[in-house]
Amino acid sequence: MRTTTIEPPRRIESVADGELCGRGTWTLTAQGAHTQVRYDWRVEAPQAWMRLLAPVAKPLFAWKHDVVME
């Protein structure tokens, strides 16, 4: 993951290369005394096997993502 843009205090963008390639954007919005944080992540799978299996393995990929993110 490599940070490409920082716009304090509103936005941070980054790009990733590796098993998944893509762009992520952190958006921070003031909500009274709190801050709302949103992360949008657009990825592509560079490996042919991932693209081939994606339609049927989507639930497995989503589960693995959730496990890793915990």
N, C-alpha and C. Protein backbone atom coordinates (compact mmCIF):
# COMPACT_ATOMS: atom_id res chain seq x y z
N MET A 1 0.85 -1.16 0.00
CA MET A 1 0.00 0.00 0.00
C MET A 1 0.90 1.22 0.00
N ARG A 2 0.62 2.16 -0.91
CA ARG A 2 1.41 3.38 -1.01
C ARG A 2 0.46 4.58 -1.02
N THR A 3 0.69 5.52 -0.11
CA THR A 3 -0.13 6.72 -0.02
C THR A 3 0.20 7.64 -1.19
N THR A 4 -0.84 8.12 -1.88
CA THR A 4 -0.63 8.98 -3.04
C THR A 4 -1.12 10.41 -2.83
N THR A 5 -2.12 10.58 -1.97
CA THR A 5 -2.71 11.91 -1.75
C THR A 5 -3.11 12.06 -0.30
N ILE A 6 -2.79 13.19 0.27
CA ILE A 6 -3.27 13.53 1.62
C ILE A 6 -3.82 14.95 1.55
N GLU A 7 -5.09 15.08 1.92
CA GLU A 7 -5.75 16.38 1.99
C GLU A 7 -6.30 16.56 3.40
N PRO A 8 -5.43 16.97 4.36
CA PRO A 8 -5.88 17.11 5.74
C PRO A 8 -6.99 18.15 5.85
N PRO A 9 -7.95 17.94 6.66
CA PRO A 9 -8.24 16.73 7.43
C PRO A 9 -9.34 15.90 6.76
N ARG A 10 -9.45 15.94 5.43
CA ARG A 10 -10.61 15.35 4.77
C ARG A 10 -10.40 14.02 4.05
N ARG A 11 -9.23 13.84 3.41
CA ARG A 11 -9.12 12.69 2.51
C ARG A 11 -7.69 12.17 2.44
N ILE A 12 -7.58 10.84 2.36
CA ILE A 12 -6.30 10.16 2.13
C ILE A 12 -6.55 9.12 1.05
N GLU A 13 -5.71 9.13 0.03
CA GLU A 13 -5.82 8.13 -1.03
C GLU A 13 -4.55 7.29 -1.07
N SER A 14 -4.72 6.03 -1.47
CA SER A 14 -3.57 5.14 -1.59
C SER A 14 -3.81 4.14 -2.71
N VAL A 15 -2.72 3.54 -3.17
CA VAL A 15 -2.81 2.49 -4.18
C VAL A 15 -2.11 1.25 -3.65
N ALA A 16 -2.56 0.10 -4.10
CA ALA A 16 -1.99 -1.17 -3.67
C ALA A 16 -1.58 -1.98 -4.89
N ASP A 17 -0.49 -2.69 -4.75
CA ASP A 17 -0.03 -3.63 -5.77
C ASP A 17 0.25 -4.95 -5.07
N GLY A 18 0.07 -6.04 -5.77
CA GLY A 18 0.32 -7.35 -5.18
C GLY A 18 -0.77 -8.31 -5.60
N GLU A 19 -1.24 -9.13 -4.64
CA GLU A 19 -2.30 -10.09 -4.97
C GLU A 19 -3.58 -9.38 -5.39
N LEU A 20 -3.82 -8.21 -4.83
CA LEU A 20 -4.91 -7.35 -5.27
C LEU A 20 -4.31 -5.99 -5.60
N CYS A 21 -4.77 -5.42 -6.70
CA CYS A 21 -4.32 -4.09 -7.11
C CYS A 21 -5.52 -3.17 -7.07
N GLY A 22 -5.31 -1.95 -6.62
CA GLY A 22 -6.44 -1.04 -6.61
C GLY A 22 -6.14 0.26 -5.90
N ARG A 23 -7.20 1.02 -5.70
CA ARG A 23 -7.11 2.33 -5.09
C ARG A 23 -8.09 2.40 -3.92
N GLY A 24 -7.61 2.96 -2.81
CA GLY A 24 -8.44 3.15 -1.63
C GLY A 24 -8.52 4.61 -1.26
N THR A 25 -9.67 5.03 -0.79
CA THR A 25 -9.86 6.42 -0.36
C THR A 25 -10.49 6.44 1.02
N TRP A 26 -9.80 7.08 1.96
CA TRP A 26 -10.34 7.34 3.30
C TRP A 26 -10.94 8.74 3.25
N THR A 27 -12.22 8.87 3.62
CA THR A 27 -12.88 10.17 3.68
C THR A 27 -13.30 10.41 5.13
N LEU A 28 -12.89 11.53 5.68
CA LEU A 28 -13.20 11.88 7.07
C LEU A 28 -14.12 13.09 7.07
N THR A 29 -15.24 12.97 7.79
CA THR A 29 -16.24 14.02 7.84
C THR A 29 -16.60 14.32 9.29
N ALA A 30 -16.57 15.59 9.66
CA ALA A 30 -16.94 15.99 11.02
C ALA A 30 -18.43 15.76 11.23
N GLN A 31 -18.77 15.14 12.36
CA GLN A 31 -20.15 14.88 12.75
C GLN A 31 -20.31 15.37 14.19
N GLY A 32 -20.40 16.67 14.37
CA GLY A 32 -20.47 17.23 15.71
C GLY A 32 -19.14 17.02 16.42
N ALA A 33 -19.18 16.34 17.58
CA ALA A 33 -17.96 16.08 18.35
C ALA A 33 -17.23 14.81 17.87
N HIS A 34 -17.77 14.16 16.83
CA HIS A 34 -17.21 12.90 16.34
C HIS A 34 -16.73 13.06 14.91
N THR A 35 -16.07 12.04 14.44
CA THR A 35 -15.62 12.01 13.05
C THR A 35 -16.14 10.74 12.40
N GLN A 36 -16.80 10.90 11.26
CA GLN A 36 -17.25 9.75 10.48
C GLN A 36 -16.12 9.40 9.50
N VAL A 37 -15.77 8.12 9.46
CA VAL A 37 -14.71 7.65 8.58
C VAL A 37 -15.31 6.64 7.60
N ARG A 38 -15.04 6.88 6.33
CA ARG A 38 -15.51 5.97 5.29
C ARG A 38 -14.30 5.53 4.47
N TYR A 39 -14.24 4.23 4.16
CA TYR A 39 -13.14 3.71 3.35
C TYR A 39 -13.73 3.05 2.11
N ASP A 40 -13.43 3.58 0.95
CA ASP A 40 -13.86 3.00 -0.32
C ASP A 40 -12.64 2.34 -0.96
N TRP A 41 -12.80 1.10 -1.35
CA TRP A 41 -11.70 0.29 -1.83
C TRP A 41 -12.13 -0.37 -3.13
N ARG A 42 -11.49 0.00 -4.21
CA ARG A 42 -11.76 -0.57 -5.54
C ARG A 42 -10.57 -1.42 -5.93
N VAL A 43 -10.79 -2.70 -6.11
CA VAL A 43 -9.67 -3.61 -6.39
C VAL A 43 -9.90 -4.40 -7.67
N GLU A 44 -8.81 -4.88 -8.20
CA GLU A 44 -8.81 -5.81 -9.32
C GLU A 44 -7.86 -6.95 -8.95
N ALA A 45 -8.16 -8.12 -9.44
CA ALA A 45 -7.31 -9.28 -9.20
C ALA A 45 -6.43 -9.49 -10.44
N PRO A 46 -5.11 -9.31 -10.29
CA PRO A 46 -4.25 -9.48 -11.46
C PRO A 46 -4.06 -10.94 -11.86
N GLN A 47 -4.29 -11.88 -10.95
CA GLN A 47 -4.09 -13.29 -11.27
C GLN A 47 -5.31 -13.85 -12.02
N ALA A 48 -5.03 -14.56 -13.09
CA ALA A 48 -6.10 -15.13 -13.92
C ALA A 48 -6.99 -16.08 -13.12
N TRP A 49 -6.39 -16.87 -12.20
CA TRP A 49 -7.19 -17.84 -11.45
C TRP A 49 -8.20 -17.15 -10.56
N MET A 50 -7.85 -15.99 -10.00
CA MET A 50 -8.81 -15.25 -9.16
C MET A 50 -9.97 -14.74 -9.99
N ARG A 51 -9.66 -14.19 -11.16
CA ARG A 51 -10.73 -13.68 -12.03
C ARG A 51 -11.63 -14.81 -12.52
N LEU A 52 -11.02 -15.96 -12.80
CA LEU A 52 -11.79 -17.10 -13.28
C LEU A 52 -12.73 -17.65 -12.20
N LEU A 53 -12.25 -17.74 -10.96
CA LEU A 53 -13.05 -18.28 -9.87
C LEU A 53 -13.99 -17.27 -9.21
N ALA A 54 -13.78 -15.99 -9.46
CA ALA A 54 -14.53 -14.95 -8.75
C ALA A 54 -16.04 -15.15 -8.77
N PRO A 55 -16.66 -15.47 -9.91
CA PRO A 55 -18.13 -15.60 -9.90
C PRO A 55 -18.65 -16.65 -8.92
N VAL A 56 -17.93 -17.77 -8.75
CA VAL A 56 -18.43 -18.82 -7.85
C VAL A 56 -17.79 -18.75 -6.47
N ALA A 57 -16.61 -18.16 -6.35
CA ALA A 57 -15.89 -18.12 -5.07
C ALA A 57 -16.08 -16.80 -4.32
N LYS A 58 -16.94 -15.93 -4.81
CA LYS A 58 -17.13 -14.63 -4.17
C LYS A 58 -17.43 -14.76 -2.67
N PRO A 59 -18.31 -15.66 -2.24
CA PRO A 59 -18.56 -15.78 -0.79
C PRO A 59 -17.30 -16.17 -0.01
N LEU A 60 -16.47 -17.05 -0.57
CA LEU A 60 -15.23 -17.44 0.09
C LEU A 60 -14.26 -16.27 0.17
N PHE A 61 -14.14 -15.52 -0.92
CA PHE A 61 -13.27 -14.35 -0.90
C PHE A 61 -13.75 -13.32 0.12
N ALA A 62 -15.05 -13.12 0.21
CA ALA A 62 -15.60 -12.17 1.18
C ALA A 62 -15.34 -12.63 2.61
N TRP A 63 -15.53 -13.93 2.87
CA TRP A 63 -15.26 -14.49 4.20
C TRP A 63 -13.79 -14.30 4.57
N LYS A 64 -12.88 -14.63 3.64
CA LYS A 64 -11.45 -14.50 3.93
C LYS A 64 -11.11 -13.03 4.22
N HIS A 65 -11.69 -12.13 3.46
CA HIS A 65 -11.46 -10.70 3.69
C HIS A 65 -11.88 -10.31 5.10
N ASP A 66 -13.07 -10.75 5.50
CA ASP A 66 -13.56 -10.40 6.84
C ASP A 66 -12.66 -10.95 7.93
N VAL A 67 -12.17 -12.18 7.75
CA VAL A 67 -11.27 -12.79 8.74
C VAL A 67 -9.97 -11.99 8.84
N VAL A 68 -9.40 -11.63 7.71
CA VAL A 68 -8.15 -10.86 7.71
C VAL A 68 -8.36 -9.49 8.33
N MET A 69 -9.47 -8.84 8.06
CA MET A 69 -9.71 -7.49 8.56
C MET A 69 -9.97 -7.47 10.06
N GLU A 70 -10.45 -8.57 10.63
CA GLU A 70 -10.64 -8.62 12.08
C GLU A 70 -9.30 -8.57 12.77
